[in-house]
Amino acid sequence: MTDTYDPTKMPIEVGQHVRQGDVLLIRRSRLGPGAVELPREKGAVVLAHGEVTGHMHQLRGPQVTMFRDTSGHEYVRVTHQPEALVHEEHTAHGIPPGPFELGAQVEYTPGPLQLVAD
């Protein structure tokens, strides 16, 4: 697998949300109240670590920033041009410019809800 991703050559997600494995990004009009910038991890914005494999859902471009608001909700903001959301076991997704809230996906099974894990 190549380590180079060109978001201009992949389909851009145009709906109100983007899903990749256990990551869910929900388009928002703005960041939550009191949002503060979070540090990068090894030069990337890491949205989730695979619980089984240790692989990461990540955005690597310099125009991506992650934030956390006063309620603990996390957001990603892409500026200027689309950015590739990548993971070793999933198809890359082009994330368009704008703010997105990082949501948790749940898996339905009879009984209590469980978070989705890669």
Protein backbone atom coordinates (compact mmCIF):
# COMPACT_ATOMS: atom_id res chain seq x y z
CA MET A 1 0.00 0.00 0.00
CA THR A 2 1.33 3.42 -0.89
CA ASP A 3 1.79 6.10 1.76
CA THR A 4 0.75 8.87 -0.65
CA TYR A 5 -2.89 9.94 -0.84
CA ASP A 6 -4.13 12.57 -3.26
CA PRO A 7 -7.54 13.82 -2.09
CA THR A 8 -8.07 15.58 -5.41
CA LYS A 9 -8.20 12.18 -7.11
CA MET A 10 -10.71 10.48 -4.81
CA PRO A 11 -14.45 10.89 -4.42
CA ILE A 12 -15.43 13.71 -2.09
CA GLU A 13 -18.05 12.97 0.54
CA VAL A 14 -20.89 15.41 -0.12
CA GLY A 15 -23.46 14.37 2.48
CA GLN A 16 -23.85 15.48 6.06
CA HIS A 17 -21.62 12.74 7.45
CA VAL A 18 -18.65 10.52 6.61
CA ARG A 19 -18.14 6.99 7.93
CA GLN A 20 -14.95 4.96 7.93
CA GLY A 21 -14.91 1.85 10.14
CA ASP A 22 -15.68 2.99 13.69
CA VAL A 23 -15.21 6.69 12.85
CA LEU A 24 -18.19 8.94 12.16
CA LEU A 25 -17.72 12.58 11.12
CA ILE A 26 -20.87 14.74 11.23
CA ARG A 27 -20.86 18.05 9.33
CA ARG A 28 -21.52 21.04 11.59
CA SER A 29 -21.93 24.74 10.88
CA ARG A 30 -19.35 25.65 13.55
CA LEU A 31 -17.22 24.26 16.36
CA GLY A 32 -18.73 23.77 19.81
CA PRO A 33 -18.48 26.44 22.53
CA GLY A 34 -15.02 27.09 23.95
CA ALA A 35 -13.33 24.68 21.51
CA VAL A 36 -9.55 24.51 21.95
CA GLU A 37 -7.01 23.08 19.53
CA LEU A 38 -5.62 19.61 20.32
CA PRO A 39 -2.05 18.53 19.55
CA ARG A 40 -1.18 16.32 16.58
CA GLU A 41 0.08 12.79 17.05
CA LYS A 42 3.20 11.99 15.02
CA GLY A 43 2.35 14.85 12.66
CA ALA A 44 -1.24 13.72 12.00
CA VAL A 45 -4.71 14.39 13.35
CA VAL A 46 -5.65 10.98 14.74
CA LEU A 47 -9.39 10.37 15.06
CA ALA A 48 -9.23 6.82 16.46
CA HIS A 49 -6.85 3.96 17.15
CA GLY A 50 -7.83 0.45 16.13
CA GLU A 51 -8.43 -1.51 19.32
CA VAL A 52 -7.32 -4.78 17.75
CA THR A 53 -4.67 -3.75 15.18
CA GLY A 54 -3.41 -0.41 16.50
CA HIS A 55 -3.99 1.13 13.06
CA MET A 56 -5.11 4.76 13.08
CA HIS A 57 -7.89 6.68 11.35
CA GLN A 58 -6.02 9.86 10.49
CA LEU A 59 -5.85 13.07 8.48
CA ARG A 60 -2.27 14.06 7.64
CA GLY A 61 -2.51 17.39 5.85
CA PRO A 62 -1.44 20.71 7.38
CA GLN A 63 -4.89 22.22 6.74
CA VAL A 64 -6.55 19.92 9.31
CA THR A 65 -6.97 20.78 12.99
CA MET A 66 -8.67 18.89 15.83
CA PHE A 67 -10.53 20.61 18.68
CA ARG A 68 -12.35 19.73 21.92
CA ASP A 69 -15.14 21.92 23.29
CA THR A 70 -16.11 22.58 26.91
CA SER A 71 -18.56 19.62 26.85
CA GLY A 72 -15.85 17.19 25.70
CA HIS A 73 -17.09 16.88 22.11
CA GLU A 74 -14.30 16.61 19.55
CA TYR A 75 -14.23 18.31 16.15
CA VAL A 76 -12.09 18.30 13.03
CA ARG A 77 -11.83 21.35 10.78
CA VAL A 78 -10.49 21.09 7.23
CA THR A 79 -9.59 24.36 5.53
CA HIS A 80 -8.88 25.33 1.91
CA GLN A 81 -9.00 21.96 0.11
CA PRO A 82 -10.22 18.39 0.66
CA GLU A 83 -8.14 16.11 2.86
CA ALA A 84 -7.82 12.32 2.82
CA LEU A 85 -9.12 10.34 5.82
CA VAL A 86 -6.92 7.24 5.76
CA HIS A 87 -6.67 3.90 7.55
CA GLU A 88 -4.71 0.80 6.61
CA GLU A 89 -7.82 -1.42 6.38
CA HIS A 90 -10.36 0.98 4.84
CA THR A 91 -10.84 2.93 1.62
CA ALA A 92 -9.62 6.52 1.90
CA HIS A 93 -12.33 9.20 1.95
CA GLY A 94 -11.99 12.77 0.73
CA ILE A 95 -13.13 15.11 3.49
CA PRO A 96 -14.28 18.50 2.17
CA PRO A 97 -13.43 21.79 3.89
CA GLY A 98 -15.51 22.66 6.94
CA PRO A 99 -16.05 21.65 10.56
CA PHE A 100 -17.07 18.10 11.51
CA GLU A 101 -17.96 16.63 14.89
CA LEU A 102 -16.40 13.29 15.73
CA GLY A 103 -19.26 10.96 16.67
CA ALA A 104 -19.26 7.41 17.97
CA GLN A 105 -20.87 4.70 15.89
CA VAL A 106 -22.79 2.00 17.68
CA GLU A 107 -23.53 -1.52 16.57
CA TYR A 108 -26.98 -3.02 16.99
CA THR A 109 -27.20 -6.41 18.61
CA PRO A 110 -30.07 -7.65 20.72
CA GLY A 111 -29.23 -6.26 24.13
CA PRO A 112 -27.20 -3.21 25.12
CA LEU A 113 -25.60 -0.96 22.49
CA GLN A 114 -21.87 -1.49 21.95
CA LEU A 115 -19.34 0.86 20.36
CA VAL A 116 -18.05 -0.29 16.98
CA ALA A 117 -14.41 -1.47 17.06
CA ASP A 118 -12.03 -2.23 14.19
